[in-house]
Amino acid sequence: MQYEKEMSTGNIASLKVKWMTSCEYELTLISRLKGDSIKPDGHNFIEEIKNQPVIKVSITTVTKDYYIFTARKDSIDYPYSDTVWILK
């Protein structure tokens, strides 16, 4: 599982990770926890996600301080690339 937190909203996404090769994996969105929608009983609203397209991720560059990835989704015409910094 991979968890991603959007710092501006507090939303947290849960994603299933399936490694295809040592540098390629697929992400499937499983659920989203809404950070700003706390119910009266103190629990957050969890949105279950179904039939979402798979995100295909390729790690293209690796260094001791960061790695660069490119992500693609069938429903989007252009890839998304970014850098992930490794915290020590």
PDB file of N, CA and C in Angstrom:
ATOM      1  N   MET A   1       0.842  -1.188   0.000  1.00  0.00           N
ATOM      2  CA  MET A   1       0.000   0.000   0.000  1.00  0.00           C
ATOM      3  C   MET A   1       0.882   1.244   0.000  1.00  0.00           C
ATOM      4  N   GLN A   2       0.359   2.256  -0.640  1.00  0.00           N
ATOM      5  CA  GLN A   2       1.017   3.560  -0.631  1.00  0.00           C
ATOM      6  C   GLN A   2      -0.016   4.559  -0.140  1.00  0.00           C
ATOM      7  N   TYR A   3       0.420   5.457   0.728  1.00  0.00           N
ATOM      8  CA  TYR A   3      -0.462   6.494   1.253  1.00  0.00           C
ATOM      9  C   TYR A   3       0.109   7.843   0.858  1.00  0.00           C
ATOM     10  N   GLU A   4      -0.768   8.718   0.360  1.00  0.00           N
ATOM     11  CA  GLU A   4      -0.348  10.053  -0.046  1.00  0.00           C
ATOM     12  C   GLU A   4      -1.219  11.073   0.667  1.00  0.00           C
ATOM     13  N   LYS A   5      -0.571  12.086   1.247  1.00  0.00           N
ATOM     14  CA  LYS A   5      -1.310  13.135   1.949  1.00  0.00           C
ATOM     15  C   LYS A   5      -1.153  14.452   1.209  1.00  0.00           C
ATOM     16  N   GLU A   6      -2.275  15.093   0.936  1.00  0.00           N
ATOM     17  CA  GLU A   6      -2.276  16.420   0.329  1.00  0.00           C
ATOM     18  C   GLU A   6      -2.215  17.428   1.470  1.00  0.00           C
ATOM     19  N   MET A   7      -1.096  18.101   1.592  1.00  0.00           N
ATOM     20  CA  MET A   7      -0.859  18.958   2.753  1.00  0.00           C
ATOM     21  C   MET A   7      -1.851  20.116   2.857  1.00  0.00           C
ATOM     22  N   SER A   8      -2.332  20.652   1.745  1.00  0.00           N
ATOM     23  CA  SER A   8      -3.221  21.819   1.792  1.00  0.00           C
ATOM     24  C   SER A   8      -4.626  21.471   2.276  1.00  0.00           C
ATOM     25  N   THR A   9      -5.083  20.234   2.064  1.00  0.00           N
ATOM     26  CA  THR A   9      -6.446  19.856   2.448  1.00  0.00           C
ATOM     27  C   THR A   9      -6.495  18.830   3.569  1.00  0.00           C
ATOM     28  N   GLY A  10      -5.395  18.106   3.776  1.00  0.00           N
ATOM     29  CA  GLY A  10      -5.400  17.031   4.760  1.00  0.00           C
ATOM     30  C   GLY A  10      -5.959  15.732   4.215  1.00  0.00           C
ATOM     31  N   ASN A  11      -6.389  15.721   2.942  1.00  0.00           N
ATOM     32  CA  ASN A  11      -6.916  14.502   2.338  1.00  0.00           C
ATOM     33  C   ASN A  11      -5.808  13.459   2.226  1.00  0.00           C
ATOM     34  N   ILE A  12      -6.164  12.195   2.471  1.00  0.00           N
ATOM     35  CA  ILE A  12      -5.209  11.099   2.375  1.00  0.00           C
ATOM     36  C   ILE A  12      -5.762  10.063   1.408  1.00  0.00           C
ATOM     37  N   ALA A  13      -4.938   9.661   0.444  1.00  0.00           N
ATOM     38  CA  ALA A  13      -5.335   8.643  -0.527  1.00  0.00           C
ATOM     39  C   ALA A  13      -4.603   7.345  -0.203  1.00  0.00           C
ATOM     40  N   SER A  14      -5.322   6.226  -0.321  1.00  0.00           N
ATOM     41  CA  SER A  14      -4.731   4.891  -0.178  1.00  0.00           C
ATOM     42  C   SER A  14      -4.669   4.271  -1.565  1.00  0.00           C
ATOM     43  N   LEU A  15      -3.480   3.803  -1.942  1.00  0.00           N
ATOM     44  CA  LEU A  15      -3.291   3.227  -3.266  1.00  0.00           C
ATOM     45  C   LEU A  15      -2.642   1.851  -3.154  1.00  0.00           C
ATOM     46  N   LYS A  16      -3.113   0.941  -3.981  1.00  0.00           N
ATOM     47  CA  LYS A  16      -2.516  -0.386  -4.062  1.00  0.00           C
ATOM     48  C   LYS A  16      -1.344  -0.307  -5.039  1.00  0.00           C
ATOM     49  N   VAL A  17      -0.203  -0.882  -4.650  1.00  0.00           N
ATOM     50  CA  VAL A  17       0.999  -0.867  -5.483  1.00  0.00           C
ATOM     51  C   VAL A  17       1.236  -2.267  -6.027  1.00  0.00           C
ATOM     52  N   LYS A  18       1.433  -2.362  -7.335  1.00  0.00           N
ATOM     53  CA  LYS A  18       1.784  -3.638  -7.975  1.00  0.00           C
ATOM     54  C   LYS A  18       3.046  -3.414  -8.788  1.00  0.00           C
ATOM     55  N   TRP A  19       4.167  -3.987  -8.318  1.00  0.00           N
ATOM     56  CA  TRP A  19       5.436  -3.835  -9.019  1.00  0.00           C
ATOM     57  C   TRP A  19       5.433  -4.705 -10.267  1.00  0.00           C
ATOM     58  N   MET A  20       5.801  -4.108 -11.399  1.00  0.00           N
ATOM     59  CA  MET A  20       5.863  -4.813 -12.673  1.00  0.00           C
ATOM     60  C   MET A  20       7.312  -5.218 -12.987  1.00  0.00           C
ATOM     61  N   THR A  21       8.246  -4.294 -12.729  1.00  0.00           N
ATOM     62  CA  THR A  21       9.686  -4.543 -12.863  1.00  0.00           C
ATOM     63  C   THR A  21      10.339  -3.802 -11.698  1.00  0.00           C
ATOM     64  N   SER A  22      11.666  -3.803 -11.656  1.00  0.00           N
ATOM     65  CA  SER A  22      12.352  -3.108 -10.562  1.00  0.00           C
ATOM     66  C   SER A  22      12.217  -1.586 -10.658  1.00  0.00           C
ATOM     67  N   CYS A  23      11.786  -1.066 -11.805  1.00  0.00           N
ATOM     68  CA  CYS A  23      11.637   0.383 -11.982  1.00  0.00           C
ATOM     69  C   CYS A  23      10.254   0.790 -12.487  1.00  0.00           C
ATOM     70  N   GLU A  24       9.313  -0.133 -12.511  1.00  0.00           N
ATOM     71  CA  GLU A  24       7.959   0.182 -12.986  1.00  0.00           C
ATOM     72  C   GLU A  24       6.939  -0.455 -12.058  1.00  0.00           C
ATOM     73  N   TYR A  25       5.902   0.330 -11.746  1.00  0.00           N
ATOM     74  CA  TYR A  25       4.820  -0.201 -10.926  1.00  0.00           C
ATOM     75  C   TYR A  25       3.499   0.447 -11.326  1.00  0.00           C
ATOM     76  N   GLU A  26       2.427  -0.167 -10.890  1.00  0.00           N
ATOM     77  CA  GLU A  26       1.086   0.358 -11.157  1.00  0.00           C
ATOM     78  C   GLU A  26       0.435   0.726  -9.833  1.00  0.00           C
ATOM     79  N   LEU A  27      -0.285   1.847  -9.845  1.00  0.00           N
ATOM     80  CA  LEU A  27      -1.022   2.314  -8.676  1.00  0.00           C
ATOM     81  C   LEU A  27      -2.510   2.280  -8.970  1.00  0.00           C
ATOM     82  N   THR A  28      -3.266   1.740  -8.023  1.00  0.00           N
ATOM     83  CA  THR A  28      -4.726   1.734  -8.124  1.00  0.00           C
ATOM     84  C   THR A  28      -5.272   2.425  -6.888  1.00  0.00           C
ATOM     85  N   LEU A  29      -6.051   3.493  -7.091  1.00  0.00           N
ATOM     86  CA  LEU A  29      -6.650   4.232  -5.974  1.00  0.00           C
ATOM     87  C   LEU A  29      -7.725   3.371  -5.317  1.00  0.00           C
ATOM     88  N   ILE A  30      -7.569   3.151  -4.009  1.00  0.00           N
ATOM     89  CA  ILE A  30      -8.507   2.314  -3.258  1.00  0.00           C
ATOM     90  C   ILE A  30      -9.513   3.168  -2.494  1.00  0.00           C
ATOM     91  N   SER A  31      -9.024   4.181  -1.767  1.00  0.00           N
ATOM     92  CA  SER A  31      -9.927   5.036  -0.991  1.00  0.00           C
ATOM     93  C   SER A  31      -9.285   6.389  -0.754  1.00  0.00           C
ATOM     94  N   ARG A  32     -10.144   7.329  -0.351  1.00  0.00           N
ATOM     95  CA  ARG A  32      -9.696   8.686  -0.034  1.00  0.00           C
ATOM     96  C   ARG A  32     -10.297   9.072   1.310  1.00  0.00           C
ATOM     97  N   LEU A  33      -9.473   9.572   2.204  1.00  0.00           N
ATOM     98  CA  LEU A  33      -9.921  10.051   3.508  1.00  0.00           C
ATOM     99  C   LEU A  33      -9.989  11.564   3.428  1.00  0.00           C
ATOM    100  N   LYS A  34     -11.178  12.106   3.602  1.00  0.00           N
ATOM    101  CA  LYS A  34     -11.372  13.547   3.506  1.00  0.00           C
ATOM    102  C   LYS A  34     -10.958  14.204   4.821  1.00  0.00           C
ATOM    103  N   GLY A  35      -9.905  14.996   4.784  1.00  0.00           N
ATOM    104  CA  GLY A  35      -9.367  15.607   5.990  1.00  0.00           C
ATOM    105  C   GLY A  35     -10.252  16.670   6.595  1.00  0.00           C
ATOM    106  N   ASP A  36     -11.098  17.296   5.801  1.00  0.00           N
ATOM    107  CA  ASP A  36     -11.911  18.402   6.309  1.00  0.00           C
ATOM    108  C   ASP A  36     -13.375  18.031   6.544  1.00  0.00           C
ATOM    109  N   SER A  37     -13.707  16.765   6.496  1.00  0.00           N
ATOM    110  CA  SER A  37     -15.119  16.378   6.634  1.00  0.00           C
ATOM    111  C   SER A  37     -15.296  15.420   7.815  1.00  0.00           C
ATOM    112  N   ILE A  38     -15.079  15.932   9.010  1.00  0.00           N
ATOM    113  CA  ILE A  38     -15.231  15.115  10.213  1.00  0.00           C
ATOM    114  C   ILE A  38     -16.708  15.043  10.578  1.00  0.00           C
ATOM    115  N   LYS A  39     -17.170  13.826  10.793  1.00  0.00           N
ATOM    116  CA  LYS A  39     -18.569  13.599  11.170  1.00  0.00           C
ATOM    117  C   LYS A  39     -18.773  13.974  12.645  1.00  0.00           C
ATOM    118  N   PRO A  40     -20.022  14.170  13.074  1.00  0.00           N
ATOM    119  CA  PRO A  40     -20.288  14.509  14.483  1.00  0.00           C
ATOM    120  C   PRO A  40     -19.748  13.464  15.469  1.00  0.00           C
ATOM    121  N   ASP A  41     -19.633  12.202  15.036  1.00  0.00           N
ATOM    122  CA  ASP A  41     -19.127  11.175  15.946  1.00  0.00           C
ATOM    123  C   ASP A  41     -17.604  11.163  16.015  1.00  0.00           C
ATOM    124  N   GLY A  42     -16.945  12.123  15.316  1.00  0.00           N
ATOM    125  CA  GLY A  42     -15.497  12.243  15.383  1.00  0.00           C
ATOM    126  C   GLY A  42     -14.761  11.480  14.306  1.00  0.00           C
ATOM    127  N   HIS A  43     -15.468  10.731  13.469  1.00  0.00           N
ATOM    128  CA  HIS A  43     -14.816   9.962  12.413  1.00  0.00           C
ATOM    129  C   HIS A  43     -14.772  10.766  11.120  1.00  0.00           C
ATOM    130  N   ASN A  44     -13.728  10.561  10.356  1.00  0.00           N
ATOM    131  CA  ASN A  44     -13.617  11.210   9.054  1.00  0.00           C
ATOM    132  C   ASN A  44     -14.386  10.405   8.014  1.00  0.00           C
ATOM    133  N   PHE A  45     -14.800  11.077   6.969  1.00  0.00           N
ATOM    134  CA  PHE A  45     -15.496  10.436   5.860  1.00  0.00           C
ATOM    135  C   PHE A  45     -14.486   9.734   4.972  1.00  0.00           C
ATOM    136  N   ILE A  46     -14.697   8.449   4.727  1.00  0.00           N
ATOM    137  CA  ILE A  46     -13.828   7.702   3.823  1.00  0.00           C
ATOM    138  C   ILE A  46     -14.619   7.400   2.556  1.00  0.00           C
ATOM    139  N   GLU A  47     -14.102   7.847   1.440  1.00  0.00           N
ATOM    140  CA  GLU A  47     -14.738   7.622   0.143  1.00  0.00           C
ATOM    141  C   GLU A  47     -14.081   6.410  -0.502  1.00  0.00           C
ATOM    142  N   GLU A  48     -14.876   5.379  -0.761  1.00  0.00           N
ATOM    143  CA  GLU A  48     -14.343   4.211  -1.442  1.00  0.00           C
ATOM    144  C   GLU A  48     -14.375   4.465  -2.940  1.00  0.00           C
ATOM    145  N   ILE A  49     -13.321   4.076  -3.598  1.00  0.00           N
ATOM    146  CA  ILE A  49     -13.161   4.331  -5.024  1.00  0.00           C
ATOM    147  C   ILE A  49     -13.299   3.013  -5.778  1.00  0.00           C
ATOM    148  N   LYS A  50     -14.085   3.025  -6.837  1.00  0.00           N
ATOM    149  CA  LYS A  50     -14.245   1.829  -7.661  1.00  0.00           C
ATOM    150  C   LYS A  50     -14.034   2.182  -9.126  1.00  0.00           C
ATOM    151  N   ASN A  51     -13.470   1.231  -9.862  1.00  0.00           N
ATOM    152  CA  ASN A  51     -13.288   1.355 -11.308  1.00  0.00           C
ATOM    153  C   ASN A  51     -12.468   2.574 -11.727  1.00  0.00           C
ATOM    154  N   GLN A  52     -11.428   2.877 -10.970  1.00  0.00           N
ATOM    155  CA  GLN A  52     -10.512   3.957 -11.331  1.00  0.00           C
ATOM    156  C   GLN A  52      -9.452   3.420 -12.283  1.00  0.00           C
ATOM    157  N   PRO A  53      -9.014   4.231 -13.244  1.00  0.00           N
ATOM    158  CA  PRO A  53      -7.952   3.774 -14.136  1.00  0.00           C
ATOM    159  C   PRO A  53      -6.647   3.587 -13.365  1.00  0.00           C
ATOM    160  N   VAL A  54      -5.860   2.640 -13.792  1.00  0.00           N
ATOM    161  CA  VAL A  54      -4.568   2.353 -13.181  1.00  0.00           C
ATOM    162  C   VAL A  54      -3.575   3.432 -13.599  1.00  0.00           C
ATOM    163  N   ILE A  55      -2.750   3.872 -12.655  1.00  0.00           N
ATOM    164  CA  ILE A  55      -1.675   4.814 -12.941  1.00  0.00           C
ATOM    165  C   ILE A  55      -0.403   3.995 -13.125  1.00  0.00           C
ATOM    166  N   LYS A  56       0.247   4.138 -14.266  1.00  0.00           N
ATOM    167  CA  LYS A  56       1.474   3.403 -14.561  1.00  0.00           C
ATOM    168  C   LYS A  56       2.661   4.328 -14.315  1.00  0.00           C
ATOM    169  N   VAL A  57       3.563   3.899 -13.419  1.00  0.00           N
ATOM    170  CA  VAL A  57       4.682   4.734 -13.000  1.00  0.00           C
ATOM    171  C   VAL A  57       5.996   4.091 -13.426  1.00  0.00           C
ATOM    172  N   SER A  58       6.870   4.896 -14.014  1.00  0.00           N
ATOM    173  CA  SER A  58       8.221   4.460 -14.378  1.00  0.00           C
ATOM    174  C   SER A  58       9.220   5.345 -13.651  1.00  0.00           C
ATOM    175  N   ILE A  59      10.150   4.721 -12.942  1.00  0.00           N
ATOM    176  CA  ILE A  59      11.236   5.467 -12.316  1.00  0.00           C
ATOM    177  C   ILE A  59      12.332   5.594 -13.371  1.00  0.00           C
ATOM    178  N   THR A  60      12.646   6.839 -13.742  1.00  0.00           N
ATOM    179  CA  THR A  60      13.545   7.072 -14.869  1.00  0.00           C
ATOM    180  C   THR A  60      14.966   7.430 -14.454  1.00  0.00           C
ATOM    181  N   THR A  61      15.129   8.007 -13.276  1.00  0.00           N
ATOM    182  CA  THR A  61      16.448   8.412 -12.789  1.00  0.00           C
ATOM    183  C   THR A  61      16.511   8.187 -11.284  1.00  0.00           C
ATOM    184  N   VAL A  62      17.636   7.640 -10.819  1.00  0.00           N
ATOM    185  CA  VAL A  62      17.833   7.413  -9.386  1.00  0.00           C
ATOM    186  C   VAL A  62      19.196   7.961  -8.989  1.00  0.00           C
ATOM    187  N   THR A  63      19.227   8.756  -7.911  1.00  0.00           N
ATOM    188  CA  THR A  63      20.485   9.224  -7.326  1.00  0.00           C
ATOM    189  C   THR A  63      20.427   8.934  -5.830  1.00  0.00           C
ATOM    190  N   LYS A  64      21.466   9.283  -5.101  1.00  0.00           N
ATOM    191  CA  LYS A  64      21.456   9.044  -3.655  1.00  0.00           C
ATOM    192  C   LYS A  64      20.521  10.007  -2.924  1.00  0.00           C
ATOM    193  N   ASP A  65      20.139  11.122  -3.558  1.00  0.00           N
ATOM    194  CA  ASP A  65      19.305  12.133  -2.918  1.00  0.00           C
ATOM    195  C   ASP A  65      17.862  12.191  -3.413  1.00  0.00           C
ATOM    196  N   TYR A  66      17.598  11.680  -4.603  1.00  0.00           N
ATOM    197  CA  TYR A  66      16.249  11.776  -5.169  1.00  0.00           C
ATOM    198  C   TYR A  66      16.075  10.752  -6.279  1.00  0.00           C
ATOM    199  N   TYR A  67      14.802  10.602  -6.701  1.00  0.00           N
ATOM    200  CA  TYR A  67      14.536   9.865  -7.937  1.00  0.00           C
ATOM    201  C   TYR A  67      13.483  10.613  -8.735  1.00  0.00           C
ATOM    202  N   ILE A  68      13.505  10.405 -10.033  1.00  0.00           N
ATOM    203  CA  ILE A  68      12.555  11.044 -10.936  1.00  0.00           C
ATOM    204  C   ILE A  68      11.648   9.965 -11.506  1.00  0.00           C
ATOM    205  N   PHE A  69      10.350  10.271 -11.538  1.00  0.00           N
ATOM    206  CA  PHE A  69       9.392   9.312 -12.076  1.00  0.00           C
ATOM    207  C   PHE A  69       8.521   9.969 -13.131  1.00  0.00           C
ATOM    208  N   THR A  70       7.942   9.144 -13.974  1.00  0.00           N
ATOM    209  CA  THR A  70       6.938   9.573 -14.944  1.00  0.00           C
ATOM    210  C   THR A  70       5.711   8.697 -14.741  1.00  0.00           C
ATOM    211  N   ALA A  71       4.552   9.328 -14.598  1.00  0.00           N
ATOM    212  CA  ALA A  71       3.304   8.606 -14.382  1.00  0.00           C
ATOM    213  C   ALA A  71       2.373   8.841 -15.568  1.00  0.00           C
ATOM    214  N   ARG A  72       1.670   7.783 -15.940  1.00  0.00           N
ATOM    215  CA  ARG A  72       0.716   7.863 -17.057  1.00  0.00           C
ATOM    216  C   ARG A  72      -0.598   7.211 -16.647  1.00  0.00           C
ATOM    217  N   LYS A  73      -1.677   7.785 -17.157  1.00  0.00           N
ATOM    218  CA  LYS A  73      -3.001   7.223 -16.949  1.00  0.00           C
ATOM    219  C   LYS A  73      -3.675   7.165 -18.304  1.00  0.00           C
ATOM    220  N   ASP A  74      -4.317   6.066 -18.625  1.00  0.00           N
ATOM    221  CA  ASP A  74      -4.930   5.907 -19.949  1.00  0.00           C
ATOM    222  C   ASP A  74      -5.903   7.026 -20.293  1.00  0.00           C
ATOM    223  N   SER A  75      -6.578   7.583 -19.280  1.00  0.00           N
ATOM    224  CA  SER A  75      -7.597   8.605 -19.540  1.00  0.00           C
ATOM    225  C   SER A  75      -7.009  10.005 -19.734  1.00  0.00           C
ATOM    226  N   ILE A  76      -5.678  10.161 -19.586  1.00  0.00           N
ATOM    227  CA  ILE A  76      -5.024  11.463 -19.739  1.00  0.00           C
ATOM    228  C   ILE A  76      -4.009  11.374 -20.873  1.00  0.00           C
ATOM    229  N   ASP A  77      -4.007  12.386 -21.736  1.00  0.00           N
ATOM    230  CA  ASP A  77      -3.180  12.351 -22.942  1.00  0.00           C
ATOM    231  C   ASP A  77      -1.701  12.652 -22.718  1.00  0.00           C
ATOM    232  N   TYR A  78      -1.326  13.162 -21.569  1.00  0.00           N
ATOM    233  CA  TYR A  78       0.073  13.521 -21.372  1.00  0.00           C
ATOM    234  C   TYR A  78       0.597  12.924 -20.059  1.00  0.00           C
ATOM    235  N   PRO A  79       1.883  12.566 -20.028  1.00  0.00           N
ATOM    236  CA  PRO A  79       2.464  12.007 -18.802  1.00  0.00           C
ATOM    237  C   PRO A  79       2.782  13.102 -17.792  1.00  0.00           C
ATOM    238  N   TYR A  80       2.910  12.717 -16.541  1.00  0.00           N
ATOM    239  CA  TYR A  80       3.263  13.610 -15.443  1.00  0.00           C
ATOM    240  C   TYR A  80       4.609  13.158 -14.893  1.00  0.00           C
ATOM    241  N   SER A  81       5.572  14.056 -14.821  1.00  0.00           N
ATOM    242  CA  SER A  81       6.888  13.733 -14.274  1.00  0.00           C
ATOM    243  C   SER A  81       7.177  14.628 -13.082  1.00  0.00           C
ATOM    244  N   ASP A  82       7.877  14.064 -12.088  1.00  0.00           N
ATOM    245  CA  ASP A  82       8.217  14.840 -10.905  1.00  0.00           C
ATOM    246  C   ASP A  82       9.410  14.203 -10.219  1.00  0.00           C
ATOM    247  N   THR A  83       9.907  14.887  -9.199  1.00  0.00           N
ATOM    248  CA  THR A  83      11.053  14.426  -8.428  1.00  0.00           C
ATOM    249  C   THR A  83      10.613  14.109  -7.010  1.00  0.00           C
ATOM    250  N   VAL A  84      11.085  12.987  -6.479  1.00  0.00           N
ATOM    251  CA  VAL A  84      10.833  12.615  -5.086  1.00  0.00           C
ATOM    252  C   VAL A  84      12.169  12.701  -4.364  1.00  0.00           C
ATOM    253  N   TRP A  85      12.232  13.547  -3.348  1.00  0.00           N
ATOM    254  CA  TRP A  85      13.458  13.710  -2.570  1.00  0.00           C
ATOM    255  C   TRP A  85      13.484  12.685  -1.464  1.00  0.00           C
ATOM    256  N   ILE A  86      14.618  12.060  -1.255  1.00  0.00           N
ATOM    257  CA  ILE A  86      14.770  11.032  -0.234  1.00  0.00           C
ATOM    258  C   ILE A  86      15.183  11.722   1.072  1.00  0.00           C
ATOM    259  N   LEU A  87      14.360  11.564   2.096  1.00  0.00           N
ATOM    260  CA  LEU A  87      14.648  12.163   3.398  1.00  0.00           C
ATOM    261  C   LEU A  87      15.549  11.252   4.197  1.00  0.00           C
ATOM    262  N   LYS A  88      16.540  11.812   4.816  1.00  0.00           N
ATOM    263  CA  LYS A  88      17.488  11.014   5.603  1.00  0.00           C
ATOM    264  C   LYS A  88      17.451  11.403   7.050  1.00  0.00           C
TER     265      LYS A  88
END
